[in-house]
PDB file of N, CA and C in Angstrom:
ATOM      1  N   MET A   1     -16.253 -28.057 -37.072  1.00  0.00           N
ATOM      2  CA  MET A   1     -15.829 -27.598 -35.758  1.00  0.00           C
ATOM      3  C   MET A   1     -15.836 -28.772 -34.785  1.00  0.00           C
ATOM      4  N   LYS A   2     -14.771 -28.885 -34.022  1.00  0.00           N
ATOM      5  CA  LYS A   2     -14.608 -29.987 -33.093  1.00  0.00           C
ATOM      6  C   LYS A   2     -15.259 -29.639 -31.751  1.00  0.00           C
ATOM      7  N   LYS A   3     -16.048 -30.561 -31.240  1.00  0.00           N
ATOM      8  CA  LYS A   3     -16.712 -30.355 -29.957  1.00  0.00           C
ATOM      9  C   LYS A   3     -15.748 -30.711 -28.825  1.00  0.00           C
ATOM     10  N   SER A   4     -15.592 -29.825 -27.851  1.00  0.00           N
ATOM     11  CA  SER A   4     -14.650 -30.083 -26.750  1.00  0.00           C
ATOM     12  C   SER A   4     -15.290 -30.974 -25.702  1.00  0.00           C
ATOM     13  N   ARG A   5     -14.452 -31.824 -25.102  1.00  0.00           N
ATOM     14  CA  ARG A   5     -14.925 -32.709 -24.047  1.00  0.00           C
ATOM     15  C   ARG A   5     -14.730 -32.042 -22.694  1.00  0.00           C
ATOM     16  N   LYS A   6     -15.617 -32.365 -21.771  1.00  0.00           N
ATOM     17  CA  LYS A   6     -15.462 -31.861 -20.409  1.00  0.00           C
ATOM     18  C   LYS A   6     -14.397 -32.665 -19.703  1.00  0.00           C
ATOM     19  N   LYS A   7     -13.544 -31.997 -18.954  1.00  0.00           N
ATOM     20  CA  LYS A   7     -12.499 -32.679 -18.196  1.00  0.00           C
ATOM     21  C   LYS A   7     -13.078 -33.167 -16.885  1.00  0.00           C
ATOM     22  N   LYS A   8     -12.645 -34.344 -16.482  1.00  0.00           N
ATOM     23  CA  LYS A   8     -13.076 -34.902 -15.204  1.00  0.00           C
ATOM     24  C   LYS A   8     -11.919 -34.810 -14.224  1.00  0.00           C
ATOM     25  N   TYR A   9     -12.204 -34.315 -13.026  1.00  0.00           N
ATOM     26  CA  TYR A   9     -11.195 -34.160 -11.992  1.00  0.00           C
ATOM     27  C   TYR A   9     -11.522 -35.088 -10.824  1.00  0.00           C
ATOM     28  N   SER A  10     -10.481 -35.501 -10.126  1.00  0.00           N
ATOM     29  CA  SER A  10     -10.676 -36.337  -8.948  1.00  0.00           C
ATOM     30  C   SER A  10      -9.968 -35.688  -7.768  1.00  0.00           C
ATOM     31  N   ASN A  11     -10.209 -36.227  -6.598  1.00  0.00           N
ATOM     32  CA  ASN A  11      -9.563 -35.709  -5.382  1.00  0.00           C
ATOM     33  C   ASN A  11      -8.269 -36.450  -5.071  1.00  0.00           C
ATOM     34  N   GLU A  12      -7.792 -37.227  -5.995  1.00  0.00           N
ATOM     35  CA  GLU A  12      -6.575 -37.986  -5.775  1.00  0.00           C
ATOM     36  C   GLU A  12      -5.359 -37.059  -5.810  1.00  0.00           C
ATOM     37  N   PRO A  13      -4.374 -37.327  -4.929  1.00  0.00           N
ATOM     38  CA  PRO A  13      -3.169 -36.495  -4.939  1.00  0.00           C
ATOM     39  C   PRO A  13      -2.371 -36.702  -6.222  1.00  0.00           C
ATOM     40  N   ILE A  14      -1.753 -35.644  -6.680  1.00  0.00           N
ATOM     41  CA  ILE A  14      -0.927 -35.699  -7.873  1.00  0.00           C
ATOM     42  C   ILE A  14       0.519 -35.560  -7.424  1.00  0.00           C
ATOM     43  N   GLY A  15       1.272 -36.622  -7.476  1.00  0.00           N
ATOM     44  CA  GLY A  15       2.662 -36.562  -7.063  1.00  0.00           C
ATOM     45  C   GLY A  15       2.800 -36.236  -5.593  1.00  0.00           C
ATOM     46  N   LYS A  16       3.953 -35.701  -5.236  1.00  0.00           N
ATOM     47  CA  LYS A  16       4.200 -35.322  -3.842  1.00  0.00           C
ATOM     48  C   LYS A  16       3.900 -33.844  -3.686  1.00  0.00           C
ATOM     49  N   ILE A  17       2.879 -33.548  -2.927  1.00  0.00           N
ATOM     50  CA  ILE A  17       2.476 -32.163  -2.693  1.00  0.00           C
ATOM     51  C   ILE A  17       2.772 -31.815  -1.246  1.00  0.00           C
ATOM     52  N   LYS A  18       3.427 -30.686  -1.061  1.00  0.00           N
ATOM     53  CA  LYS A  18       3.740 -30.218   0.285  1.00  0.00           C
ATOM     54  C   LYS A  18       2.857 -29.015   0.584  1.00  0.00           C
ATOM     55  N   ILE A  19       2.147 -29.067   1.676  1.00  0.00           N
ATOM     56  CA  ILE A  19       1.285 -27.956   2.072  1.00  0.00           C
ATOM     57  C   ILE A  19       2.149 -26.890   2.742  1.00  0.00           C
ATOM     58  N   VAL A  20       2.057 -25.672   2.237  1.00  0.00           N
ATOM     59  CA  VAL A  20       2.800 -24.549   2.800  1.00  0.00           C
ATOM     60  C   VAL A  20       1.825 -23.707   3.609  1.00  0.00           C
ATOM     61  N   HIS A  21       2.106 -23.602   4.889  1.00  0.00           N
ATOM     62  CA  HIS A  21       1.229 -22.816   5.755  1.00  0.00           C
ATOM     63  C   HIS A  21       1.441 -21.329   5.497  1.00  0.00           C
ATOM     64  N   ASP A  22       0.412 -20.555   5.735  1.00  0.00           N
ATOM     65  CA  ASP A  22       0.469 -19.114   5.498  1.00  0.00           C
ATOM     66  C   ASP A  22       1.576 -18.493   6.337  1.00  0.00           C
ATOM     67  N   PHE A  23       2.519 -17.842   5.674  1.00  0.00           N
ATOM     68  CA  PHE A  23       3.640 -17.230   6.373  1.00  0.00           C
ATOM     69  C   PHE A  23       3.569 -15.705   6.347  1.00  0.00           C
ATOM     70  N   LEU A  24       2.562 -15.171   5.686  1.00  0.00           N
ATOM     71  CA  LEU A  24       2.429 -13.714   5.587  1.00  0.00           C
ATOM     72  C   LEU A  24       1.799 -13.144   6.850  1.00  0.00           C
ATOM     73  N   PRO A  25       2.189 -11.931   7.221  1.00  0.00           N
ATOM     74  CA  PRO A  25       1.550 -11.301   8.388  1.00  0.00           C
ATOM     75  C   PRO A  25       0.106 -10.932   8.067  1.00  0.00           C
ATOM     76  N   SER A  26      -0.684 -10.792   9.093  1.00  0.00           N
ATOM     77  CA  SER A  26      -2.074 -10.390   8.897  1.00  0.00           C
ATOM     78  C   SER A  26      -2.112  -8.953   8.373  1.00  0.00           C
ATOM     79  N   PRO A  27      -3.199  -8.558   7.711  1.00  0.00           N
ATOM     80  CA  PRO A  27      -3.273  -7.210   7.127  1.00  0.00           C
ATOM     81  C   PRO A  27      -2.983  -6.084   8.113  1.00  0.00           C
ATOM     82  N   GLU A  28      -3.443  -6.222   9.357  1.00  0.00           N
ATOM     83  CA  GLU A  28      -3.207  -5.142  10.323  1.00  0.00           C
ATOM     84  C   GLU A  28      -1.747  -5.045  10.735  1.00  0.00           C
ATOM     85  N   ASN A  29      -0.955  -6.083  10.450  1.00  0.00           N
ATOM     86  CA  ASN A  29       0.470  -6.046  10.788  1.00  0.00           C
ATOM     87  C   ASN A  29       1.354  -5.693   9.598  1.00  0.00           C
ATOM     88  N   LEU A  30       0.762  -5.446   8.448  1.00  0.00           N
ATOM     89  CA  LEU A  30       1.548  -5.101   7.269  1.00  0.00           C
ATOM     90  C   LEU A  30       2.095  -3.682   7.341  1.00  0.00           C
ATOM     91  N   VAL A  31       1.314  -2.771   7.861  1.00  0.00           N
ATOM     92  CA  VAL A  31       1.729  -1.370   7.947  1.00  0.00           C
ATOM     93  C   VAL A  31       1.769  -0.976   9.415  1.00  0.00           C
ATOM     94  N   LEU A  32       2.947  -0.617   9.847  1.00  0.00           N
ATOM     95  CA  LEU A  32       3.095  -0.205  11.238  1.00  0.00           C
ATOM     96  C   LEU A  32       2.698   1.259  11.382  1.00  0.00           C
ATOM     97  N   LYS A  33       1.908   1.543  12.389  1.00  0.00           N
ATOM     98  CA  LYS A  33       1.498   2.922  12.620  1.00  0.00           C
ATOM     99  C   LYS A  33       2.631   3.690  13.280  1.00  0.00           C
ATOM    100  N   GLU A  34       2.851   4.880  12.763  1.00  0.00           N
ATOM    101  CA  GLU A  34       3.855   5.748  13.362  1.00  0.00           C
ATOM    102  C   GLU A  34       3.167   6.668  14.357  1.00  0.00           C
ATOM    103  N   GLU A  35       3.920   7.062  15.358  1.00  0.00           N
ATOM    104  CA  GLU A  35       3.400   8.028  16.311  1.00  0.00           C
ATOM    105  C   GLU A  35       3.323   9.376  15.601  1.00  0.00           C
ATOM    106  N   THR A  36       2.192  10.010  15.672  1.00  0.00           N
ATOM    107  CA  THR A  36       2.014  11.302  15.022  1.00  0.00           C
ATOM    108  C   THR A  36       1.618  12.348  16.053  1.00  0.00           C
ATOM    109  N   VAL A  37       1.847  13.591  15.700  1.00  0.00           N
ATOM    110  CA  VAL A  37       1.481  14.727  16.537  1.00  0.00           C
ATOM    111  C   VAL A  37       0.693  15.678  15.657  1.00  0.00           C
ATOM    112  N   LYS A  38      -0.464  16.086  16.138  1.00  0.00           N
ATOM    113  CA  LYS A  38      -1.297  17.004  15.374  1.00  0.00           C
ATOM    114  C   LYS A  38      -0.768  18.426  15.541  1.00  0.00           C
ATOM    115  N   VAL A  39      -0.583  19.106  14.394  1.00  0.00           N
ATOM    116  CA  VAL A  39      -0.129  20.497  14.417  1.00  0.00           C
ATOM    117  C   VAL A  39      -1.050  21.339  13.544  1.00  0.00           C
ATOM    118  N   THR A  40      -1.069  22.610  13.830  1.00  0.00           N
ATOM    119  CA  THR A  40      -1.786  23.555  12.981  1.00  0.00           C
ATOM    120  C   THR A  40      -0.742  24.302  12.179  1.00  0.00           C
ATOM    121  N   LEU A  41      -0.895  24.307  10.868  1.00  0.00           N
ATOM    122  CA  LEU A  41       0.096  24.893   9.987  1.00  0.00           C
ATOM    123  C   LEU A  41      -0.624  25.661   8.895  1.00  0.00           C
ATOM    124  N   LEU A  42      -0.269  26.911   8.723  1.00  0.00           N
ATOM    125  CA  LEU A  42      -0.852  27.708   7.656  1.00  0.00           C
ATOM    126  C   LEU A  42       0.055  27.650   6.440  1.00  0.00           C
ATOM    127  N   LEU A  43      -0.496  27.208   5.317  1.00  0.00           N
ATOM    128  CA  LEU A  43       0.250  27.107   4.066  1.00  0.00           C
ATOM    129  C   LEU A  43      -0.391  28.011   3.034  1.00  0.00           C
ATOM    130  N   SER A  44       0.372  28.370   2.019  1.00  0.00           N
ATOM    131  CA  SER A  44      -0.205  29.196   0.956  1.00  0.00           C
ATOM    132  C   SER A  44      -1.216  28.376   0.165  1.00  0.00           C
ATOM    133  N   LYS A  45      -2.200  29.055  -0.390  1.00  0.00           N
ATOM    134  CA  LYS A  45      -3.220  28.387  -1.190  1.00  0.00           C
ATOM    135  C   LYS A  45      -2.577  27.675  -2.370  1.00  0.00           C
ATOM    136  N   ASP A  46      -1.595  28.305  -2.994  1.00  0.00           N
ATOM    137  CA  ASP A  46      -0.919  27.697  -4.143  1.00  0.00           C
ATOM    138  C   ASP A  46      -0.246  26.372  -3.758  1.00  0.00           C
ATOM    139  N   SER A  47       0.385  26.341  -2.587  1.00  0.00           N
ATOM    140  CA  SER A  47       1.036  25.103  -2.142  1.00  0.00           C
ATOM    141  C   SER A  47       0.015  23.997  -1.910  1.00  0.00           C
ATOM    142  N   VAL A  48      -1.053  24.328  -1.228  1.00  0.00           N
ATOM    143  CA  VAL A  48      -2.090  23.329  -0.956  1.00  0.00           C
ATOM    144  C   VAL A  48      -2.720  22.847  -2.263  1.00  0.00           C
ATOM    145  N   ASP A  49      -2.991  23.762  -3.178  1.00  0.00           N
ATOM    146  CA  ASP A  49      -3.554  23.367  -4.474  1.00  0.00           C
ATOM    147  C   ASP A  49      -2.605  22.428  -5.215  1.00  0.00           C
ATOM    148  N   PHE A  50      -1.307  22.737  -5.164  1.00  0.00           N
ATOM    149  CA  PHE A  50      -0.313  21.876  -5.804  1.00  0.00           C
ATOM    150  C   PHE A  50      -0.361  20.463  -5.218  1.00  0.00           C
ATOM    151  N   PHE A  51      -0.309  20.359  -3.884  1.00  0.00           N
ATOM    152  CA  PHE A  51      -0.312  19.040  -3.249  1.00  0.00           C
ATOM    153  C   PHE A  51      -1.611  18.287  -3.501  1.00  0.00           C
ATOM    154  N   LYS A  52      -2.728  18.984  -3.498  1.00  0.00           N
ATOM    155  CA  LYS A  52      -4.002  18.328  -3.791  1.00  0.00           C
ATOM    156  C   LYS A  52      -4.001  17.755  -5.206  1.00  0.00           C
ATOM    157  N   LYS A  53      -3.484  18.526  -6.158  1.00  0.00           N
ATOM    158  CA  LYS A  53      -3.435  18.086  -7.551  1.00  0.00           C
ATOM    159  C   LYS A  53      -2.528  16.869  -7.701  1.00  0.00           C
ATOM    160  N   GLU A  54      -1.322  16.962  -7.155  1.00  0.00           N
ATOM    161  CA  GLU A  54      -0.354  15.862  -7.282  1.00  0.00           C
ATOM    162  C   GLU A  54      -0.809  14.611  -6.524  1.00  0.00           C
ATOM    163  N   ALA A  55      -1.367  14.804  -5.351  1.00  0.00           N
ATOM    164  CA  ALA A  55      -1.857  13.661  -4.571  1.00  0.00           C
ATOM    165  C   ALA A  55      -3.036  12.994  -5.289  1.00  0.00           C
ATOM    166  N   GLY A  56      -3.865  13.796  -5.929  1.00  0.00           N
ATOM    167  CA  GLY A  56      -4.981  13.244  -6.696  1.00  0.00           C
ATOM    168  C   GLY A  56      -4.510  12.327  -7.808  1.00  0.00           C
ATOM    169  N   LYS A  57      -3.398  12.686  -8.451  1.00  0.00           N
ATOM    170  CA  LYS A  57      -2.836  11.843  -9.513  1.00  0.00           C
ATOM    171  C   LYS A  57      -2.393  10.489  -8.966  1.00  0.00           C
ATOM    172  N   GLN A  58      -1.931  10.484  -7.718  1.00  0.00           N
ATOM    173  CA  GLN A  58      -1.440   9.255  -7.085  1.00  0.00           C
ATOM    174  C   GLN A  58      -2.521   8.536  -6.274  1.00  0.00           C
ATOM    175  N   HIS A  59      -3.701   9.135  -6.200  1.00  0.00           N
ATOM    176  CA  HIS A  59      -4.835   8.579  -5.448  1.00  0.00           C
ATOM    177  C   HIS A  59      -4.499   8.405  -3.960  1.00  0.00           C
ATOM    178  N   ILE A  60      -3.860   9.426  -3.403  1.00  0.00           N
ATOM    179  CA  ILE A  60      -3.569   9.436  -1.967  1.00  0.00           C
ATOM    180  C   ILE A  60      -4.025  10.773  -1.389  1.00  0.00           C
ATOM    181  N   ALA A  61      -4.102  10.850  -0.082  1.00  0.00           N
ATOM    182  CA  ALA A  61      -4.497  12.091   0.585  1.00  0.00           C
ATOM    183  C   ALA A  61      -3.350  13.109   0.503  1.00  0.00           C
ATOM    184  N   TYR A  62      -3.690  14.352   0.241  1.00  0.00           N
ATOM    185  CA  TYR A  62      -2.644  15.372   0.109  1.00  0.00           C
ATOM    186  C   TYR A  62      -1.903  15.586   1.422  1.00  0.00           C
ATOM    187  N   GLN A  63      -2.586  15.413   2.559  1.00  0.00           N
ATOM    188  CA  GLN A  63      -1.920  15.556   3.848  1.00  0.00           C
ATOM    189  C   GLN A  63      -0.824  14.498   4.001  1.00  0.00           C
ATOM    190  N   LYS A  64      -1.099  13.300   3.521  1.00  0.00           N
ATOM    191  CA  LYS A  64      -0.116  12.224   3.590  1.00  0.00           C
ATOM    192  C   LYS A  64       1.106  12.561   2.735  1.00  0.00           C
ATOM    193  N   MET A  65       0.882  13.172   1.582  1.00  0.00           N
ATOM    194  CA  MET A  65       1.987  13.558   0.708  1.00  0.00           C
ATOM    195  C   MET A  65       2.842  14.637   1.380  1.00  0.00           C
ATOM    196  N   ILE A  66       2.209  15.615   1.991  1.00  0.00           N
ATOM    197  CA  ILE A  66       2.947  16.675   2.693  1.00  0.00           C
ATOM    198  C   ILE A  66       3.732  16.080   3.858  1.00  0.00           C
ATOM    199  N   ARG A  67       3.092  15.176   4.615  1.00  0.00           N
ATOM    200  CA  ARG A  67       3.759  14.538   5.755  1.00  0.00           C
ATOM    201  C   ARG A  67       4.978  13.745   5.285  1.00  0.00           C
ATOM    202  N   SER A  68       4.834  13.039   4.180  1.00  0.00           N
ATOM    203  CA  SER A  68       5.947  12.262   3.629  1.00  0.00           C
ATOM    204  C   SER A  68       7.102  13.173   3.227  1.00  0.00           C
ATOM    205  N   LEU A  69       6.787  14.296   2.607  1.00  0.00           N
ATOM    206  CA  LEU A  69       7.816  15.256   2.205  1.00  0.00           C
ATOM    207  C   LEU A  69       8.574  15.783   3.428  1.00  0.00           C
ATOM    208  N   ILE A  70       7.851  16.144   4.462  1.00  0.00           N
ATOM    209  CA  ILE A  70       8.476  16.670   5.679  1.00  0.00           C
ATOM    210  C   ILE A  70       9.301  15.583   6.362  1.00  0.00           C
ATOM    211  N   ASP A  71       8.776  14.347   6.405  1.00  0.00           N
ATOM    212  CA  ASP A  71       9.516  13.235   7.007  1.00  0.00           C
ATOM    213  C   ASP A  71      10.823  12.973   6.265  1.00  0.00           C
ATOM    214  N   GLN A  72      10.779  12.999   4.925  1.00  0.00           N
ATOM    215  CA  GLN A  72      11.989  12.768   4.142  1.00  0.00           C
ATOM    216  C   GLN A  72      13.015  13.870   4.374  1.00  0.00           C
ATOM    217  N   TYR A  73      12.551  15.108   4.432  1.00  0.00           N
ATOM    218  CA  TYR A  73      13.432  16.247   4.682  1.00  0.00           C
ATOM    219  C   TYR A  73      14.093  16.121   6.041  1.00  0.00           C
ATOM    220  N   ALA A  74      13.278  15.820   7.057  1.00  0.00           N
ATOM    221  CA  ALA A  74      13.798  15.694   8.426  1.00  0.00           C
ATOM    222  C   ALA A  74      14.784  14.532   8.510  1.00  0.00           C
ATOM    223  N   SER A  75      14.501  13.442   7.849  1.00  0.00           N
ATOM    224  CA  SER A  75      15.393  12.277   7.864  1.00  0.00           C
ATOM    225  C   SER A  75      16.730  12.594   7.208  1.00  0.00           C
ATOM    226  N   LEU A  76      16.684  13.342   6.134  1.00  0.00           N
ATOM    227  CA  LEU A  76      17.892  13.700   5.410  1.00  0.00           C
ATOM    228  C   LEU A  76      18.823  14.590   6.229  1.00  0.00           C
ATOM    229  N   TYR A  77      18.251  15.511   6.993  1.00  0.00           N
ATOM    230  CA  TYR A  77      19.059  16.485   7.718  1.00  0.00           C
ATOM    231  C   TYR A  77      19.165  16.224   9.222  1.00  0.00           C
ATOM    232  N   SER A  78      18.615  15.118   9.695  1.00  0.00           N
ATOM    233  CA  SER A  78      18.745  14.833  11.137  1.00  0.00           C
ATOM    234  C   SER A  78      20.080  14.168  11.399  1.00  0.00           C
ATOM    235  N   GLU A  79      20.562  14.310  12.600  1.00  0.00           N
ATOM    236  CA  GLU A  79      21.876  13.749  12.959  1.00  0.00           C
ATOM    237  C   GLU A  79      21.735  12.356  13.485  1.00  0.00           C
TER     238      GLU A  79
END
């Protein structure tokens, strides 16, 4: 069995290296908050159970899934 040698590294530049400054937005600017309105809505137990089950598979809140569904519907049929 061959014994491996340790590699030695230096701080010398290798070729021409260009430093690229961070161009990504900060985490708080990645997701824009939408204006929301709190409503009270009575849904059937079966519907809520369905959304809880499906949202659990996606590891998201079921309320967020319902909101997304309503937003998509409204977007599709709005003028």
